[in-house]
Protein backbone atom coordinates (compact mmCIF):
# COMPACT_ATOMS: atom_id res chain seq x y z
CA UNK A 1 -30.32 13.53 -28.73
CA UNK A 2 -29.08 10.27 -27.27
CA UNK A 3 -27.10 11.88 -24.46
CA UNK A 4 -29.79 11.04 -21.94
CA UNK A 5 -29.70 7.40 -23.02
CA UNK A 6 -25.89 7.25 -22.82
CA UNK A 7 -26.06 8.46 -19.24
CA UNK A 8 -28.19 5.41 -18.44
CA UNK A 9 -25.65 2.95 -19.83
CA UNK A 10 -23.50 1.03 -17.31
CA UNK A 11 -20.35 2.87 -16.24
CA UNK A 12 -17.12 1.17 -15.19
CA UNK A 13 -14.68 2.82 -12.80
CA UNK A 14 -11.00 1.92 -12.79
CA UNK A 15 -11.13 0.32 -9.36
CA UNK A 16 -8.13 -1.91 -10.00
CA UNK A 17 -6.01 1.06 -11.01
CA UNK A 18 -7.04 2.89 -7.85
CA UNK A 19 -6.26 -0.13 -5.66
CA UNK A 20 -2.82 -0.34 -7.24
CA UNK A 21 -2.20 3.39 -6.84
CA UNK A 22 -3.11 3.17 -3.16
CA UNK A 23 -0.84 0.15 -2.68
CA UNK A 24 2.01 2.19 -4.14
CA UNK A 25 1.52 4.83 -1.43
CA UNK A 26 1.82 2.06 1.17
CA UNK A 27 5.13 0.92 -0.31
CA UNK A 28 6.51 4.46 -0.41
CA UNK A 29 5.38 5.24 3.15
CA UNK A 30 6.93 2.00 4.42
CA UNK A 31 10.22 2.89 2.75
CA UNK A 32 10.15 6.22 4.58
CA UNK A 33 9.72 4.34 7.87
CA UNK A 34 12.79 2.32 6.92
CA UNK A 35 14.67 5.59 6.46
CA UNK A 36 13.71 6.44 10.01
CA UNK A 37 14.86 3.06 11.28
CA UNK A 38 18.19 3.56 9.52
CA UNK A 39 18.58 7.03 11.07
CA UNK A 40 18.19 8.51 7.59
CA UNK A 41 16.20 11.59 8.55
CA UNK A 42 14.88 13.68 11.40
CA UNK A 43 11.48 12.80 12.93
CA UNK A 44 9.92 15.94 11.44
CA UNK A 45 11.23 15.12 7.95
CA UNK A 46 9.92 11.57 8.19
CA UNK A 47 6.53 12.82 9.37
CA UNK A 48 6.26 15.22 6.44
CA UNK A 49 7.15 12.53 3.90
CA UNK A 50 4.62 10.05 5.25
CA UNK A 51 2.02 12.80 5.53
CA UNK A 52 2.47 13.44 1.80
CA UNK A 53 1.81 9.78 1.04
CA UNK A 54 -1.19 9.73 3.35
CA UNK A 55 -2.66 12.74 1.53
CA UNK A 56 -2.26 10.94 -1.78
CA UNK A 57 -3.94 7.87 -0.31
CA UNK A 58 -6.83 10.02 0.94
CA UNK A 59 -7.32 11.42 -2.55
CA UNK A 60 -7.43 7.88 -3.95
CA UNK A 61 -9.98 6.62 -1.44
CA UNK A 62 -12.20 9.62 -2.23
CA UNK A 63 -11.93 8.71 -5.92
CA UNK A 64 -12.92 5.13 -5.10
CA UNK A 65 -15.98 6.23 -3.15
CA UNK A 66 -16.98 8.63 -5.92
CA UNK A 67 -16.57 5.90 -8.53
CA UNK A 68 -18.74 3.52 -6.51
CA UNK A 69 -21.57 6.04 -6.52
CA UNK A 70 -21.29 6.64 -10.26
CA UNK A 71 -20.59 3.09 -11.44
CA UNK A 72 -23.42 0.78 -12.38
CA UNK A 73 -21.30 -2.37 -12.71
CA UNK A 74 -18.49 -2.89 -10.17
CA UNK A 75 -15.97 -5.76 -10.34
CA UNK A 76 -16.86 -6.87 -6.81
CA UNK A 77 -19.60 -6.20 -4.32
CA UNK A 78 -19.57 -2.53 -3.31
CA UNK A 79 -19.09 -3.49 0.32
CA UNK A 80 -16.02 -5.56 -0.58
CA UNK A 81 -14.52 -2.64 -2.47
CA UNK A 82 -15.03 -0.15 0.35
CA UNK A 83 -13.80 -2.64 2.97
CA UNK A 84 -10.62 -3.39 1.05
CA UNK A 85 -9.70 0.20 0.29
CA UNK A 86 -10.63 1.12 3.87
CA UNK A 87 -8.28 -1.52 5.28
CA UNK A 88 -5.49 -0.31 3.01
CA UNK A 89 -6.14 3.24 4.14
CA UNK A 90 -6.00 2.15 7.78
CA UNK A 91 -2.49 0.80 7.13
CA UNK A 92 -1.14 4.13 5.93
CA UNK A 93 -3.02 6.00 8.67
CA UNK A 94 -1.28 3.81 11.26
CA UNK A 95 2.09 4.46 9.61
CA UNK A 96 1.36 8.15 9.95
CA UNK A 97 0.54 7.57 13.63
CA UNK A 98 3.97 5.98 14.10
CA UNK A 99 5.66 8.96 12.49
CA UNK A 100 3.63 11.39 14.61
CA UNK A 101 4.55 9.60 17.83
CA UNK A 102 8.24 9.57 16.92
CA UNK A 103 8.05 13.28 16.07
CA UNK A 104 6.08 14.28 19.17
CA UNK A 105 8.50 12.52 21.49
CA UNK A 106 11.53 13.45 19.35
CA UNK A 107 12.67 9.84 19.37
CA UNK A 108 16.07 9.87 17.70
CA UNK A 109 16.76 6.14 17.61
CA UNK A 110 14.40 3.18 17.39
CA UNK A 111 14.96 0.12 19.52
CA UNK A 112 16.17 -3.01 17.65
CA UNK A 113 12.79 -4.72 17.79
CA UNK A 114 11.12 -1.58 16.44
CA UNK A 115 13.47 -1.63 13.47
CA UNK A 116 12.63 -5.26 12.85
CA UNK A 117 8.91 -4.50 12.89
CA UNK A 118 9.50 -1.68 10.42
CA UNK A 119 11.12 -4.21 8.08
CA UNK A 120 8.07 -6.44 8.46
CA UNK A 121 5.85 -3.47 7.61
CA UNK A 122 7.89 -2.82 4.45
CA UNK A 123 7.51 -6.46 3.47
CA UNK A 124 3.77 -6.35 4.15
CA UNK A 125 3.43 -3.30 1.92
CA UNK A 126 5.37 -5.05 -0.85
CA UNK A 127 3.20 -8.18 -0.52
CA UNK A 128 0.06 -6.03 -0.71
CA UNK A 129 1.40 -4.29 -3.83
CA UNK A 130 1.97 -7.73 -5.39
CA UNK A 131 -1.45 -9.03 -4.41
CA UNK A 132 -3.64 -6.14 -5.51
CA UNK A 133 -2.99 -6.40 -9.30
CA UNK A 134 -3.89 -10.11 -9.14
CA UNK A 135 -7.44 -9.09 -8.25
CA UNK A 136 -7.93 -8.21 -11.90
CA UNK A 137 -8.38 -11.95 -12.49
CA UNK A 138 -9.35 -13.57 -9.21
CA UNK A 139 -10.36 -16.89 -10.70
CA UNK A 140 -6.94 -17.40 -12.30
CA UNK A 141 -4.95 -15.98 -9.38
CA UNK A 142 -6.87 -17.34 -6.40
CA UNK A 143 -4.14 -19.74 -5.27
CA UNK A 144 -1.42 -17.11 -5.44
CA UNK A 145 -3.59 -14.57 -3.67
CA UNK A 146 -4.17 -17.08 -0.87
CA UNK A 147 -0.40 -17.54 -0.53
CA UNK A 148 0.15 -13.80 -0.32
CA UNK A 149 -2.60 -13.21 2.23
CA UNK A 150 -1.15 -16.06 4.28
CA UNK A 151 2.17 -14.23 4.21
CA UNK A 152 0.51 -11.03 5.46
CA UNK A 153 -1.07 -12.92 8.35
CA UNK A 154 2.29 -14.50 9.14
CA UNK A 155 4.01 -11.12 9.17
CA UNK A 156 1.43 -9.83 11.64
CA UNK A 157 2.19 -12.79 13.90
CA UNK A 158 5.92 -12.12 13.67
CA UNK A 159 5.29 -8.48 14.57
CA UNK A 160 3.26 -9.55 17.61
CA UNK A 161 6.18 -11.65 18.81
CA UNK A 162 8.65 -8.80 18.29
CA UNK A 163 6.32 -6.39 20.05
CA UNK A 164 6.09 -8.63 23.10
CA UNK A 165 9.82 -9.31 23.22
CA UNK A 166 10.74 -5.68 22.61
CA UNK A 167 8.35 -4.40 25.24
CA UNK A 168 9.72 -6.82 27.80
CA UNK A 169 13.30 -5.74 27.10
CA UNK A 170 12.32 -2.09 27.23
CA UNK A 171 10.64 -2.63 30.59
CA UNK A 172 13.75 -4.33 31.94
CA UNK A 173 16.26 -1.84 30.53
CA UNK A 174 14.42 1.48 30.53
CA UNK A 175 11.61 1.43 33.08
CA UNK A 176 13.86 1.30 36.17
CA UNK A 177 15.79 4.36 34.96
CA UNK A 178 13.07 6.39 33.26
CA UNK A 179 9.37 5.49 33.39
CA UNK A 180 8.70 8.29 30.90
CA UNK A 181 11.08 6.86 28.32
CA UNK A 182 9.51 3.44 28.80
CA UNK A 183 6.05 4.92 28.23
CA UNK A 184 7.31 6.46 24.98
CA UNK A 185 8.71 3.14 23.80
CA UNK A 186 5.47 1.40 24.69
CA UNK A 187 3.51 3.95 22.64
CA UNK A 188 5.71 3.52 19.58
CA UNK A 189 5.60 -0.28 19.86
CA UNK A 190 1.80 -0.12 20.04
CA UNK A 191 1.58 2.08 16.94
CA UNK A 192 3.93 -0.17 14.99
CA UNK A 193 1.89 -3.24 15.88
CA UNK A 194 -1.28 -1.51 14.67
CA UNK A 195 0.25 -1.12 11.22
CA UNK A 196 0.70 -4.87 10.88
CA UNK A 197 -2.81 -5.39 12.29
CA UNK A 198 -4.13 -3.22 9.46
CA UNK A 199 -2.24 -5.28 6.88
CA UNK A 200 -3.76 -8.43 8.36
CA UNK A 201 -7.16 -6.84 7.79
CA UNK A 202 -6.14 -6.18 4.17
CA UNK A 203 -5.38 -9.90 3.90
CA UNK A 204 -8.79 -10.80 5.31
CA UNK A 205 -10.56 -8.51 2.86
CA UNK A 206 -8.68 -9.99 -0.10
CA UNK A 207 -9.45 -13.50 1.12
CA UNK A 208 -13.12 -12.60 1.25
CA UNK A 209 -13.01 -11.47 -2.37
CA UNK A 210 -11.22 -14.68 -3.38
CA UNK A 211 -13.83 -16.81 -1.61
CA UNK A 212 -16.66 -14.97 -3.35
CA UNK A 213 -15.16 -14.83 -6.86
CA UNK A 214 -12.50 -17.51 -7.36
């Protein structure tokens, strides 16, 4: 007889668990990109592996959005939750875009600067995976979260520098011989840079939560 009343009681979704599960897909996808950089698989194999992680991430973000609709009390503002999980999802979407470009153009070897950016992406994913669980207690972990978001912003800056240097070298070494090959390199560089841009956005979203709740 009290079922109707129980339905009115506040519900709590496991948002932290979902954030952490999504961060794990970022780490796994980044490791797959490192396989590609180390010539550890064909472009089609790499694309399939990252696609699998992206599908898992999509399932998680749908769960987050469903939980927001059903949850009366959320740990943070609903807009902050959707912005954070959206930024994280953008990161894995951009990793998928890298894999698609490499597969479309059948790029068999990444340029040295591309490989370095991939390593930065893997580090950014690891930093995100460290930061997300700390959101369970923002007030106690605010200082550490600020350090980690600062690292994400720094990694994005490093990637920008590598992108500029790598593009310049590619223009000097490839463009005179094959404008098409240079265009391919430029496309892949652009996609790689967008991954680190997405991680910078993750940092900004986390910083916003820290400012509001620490």
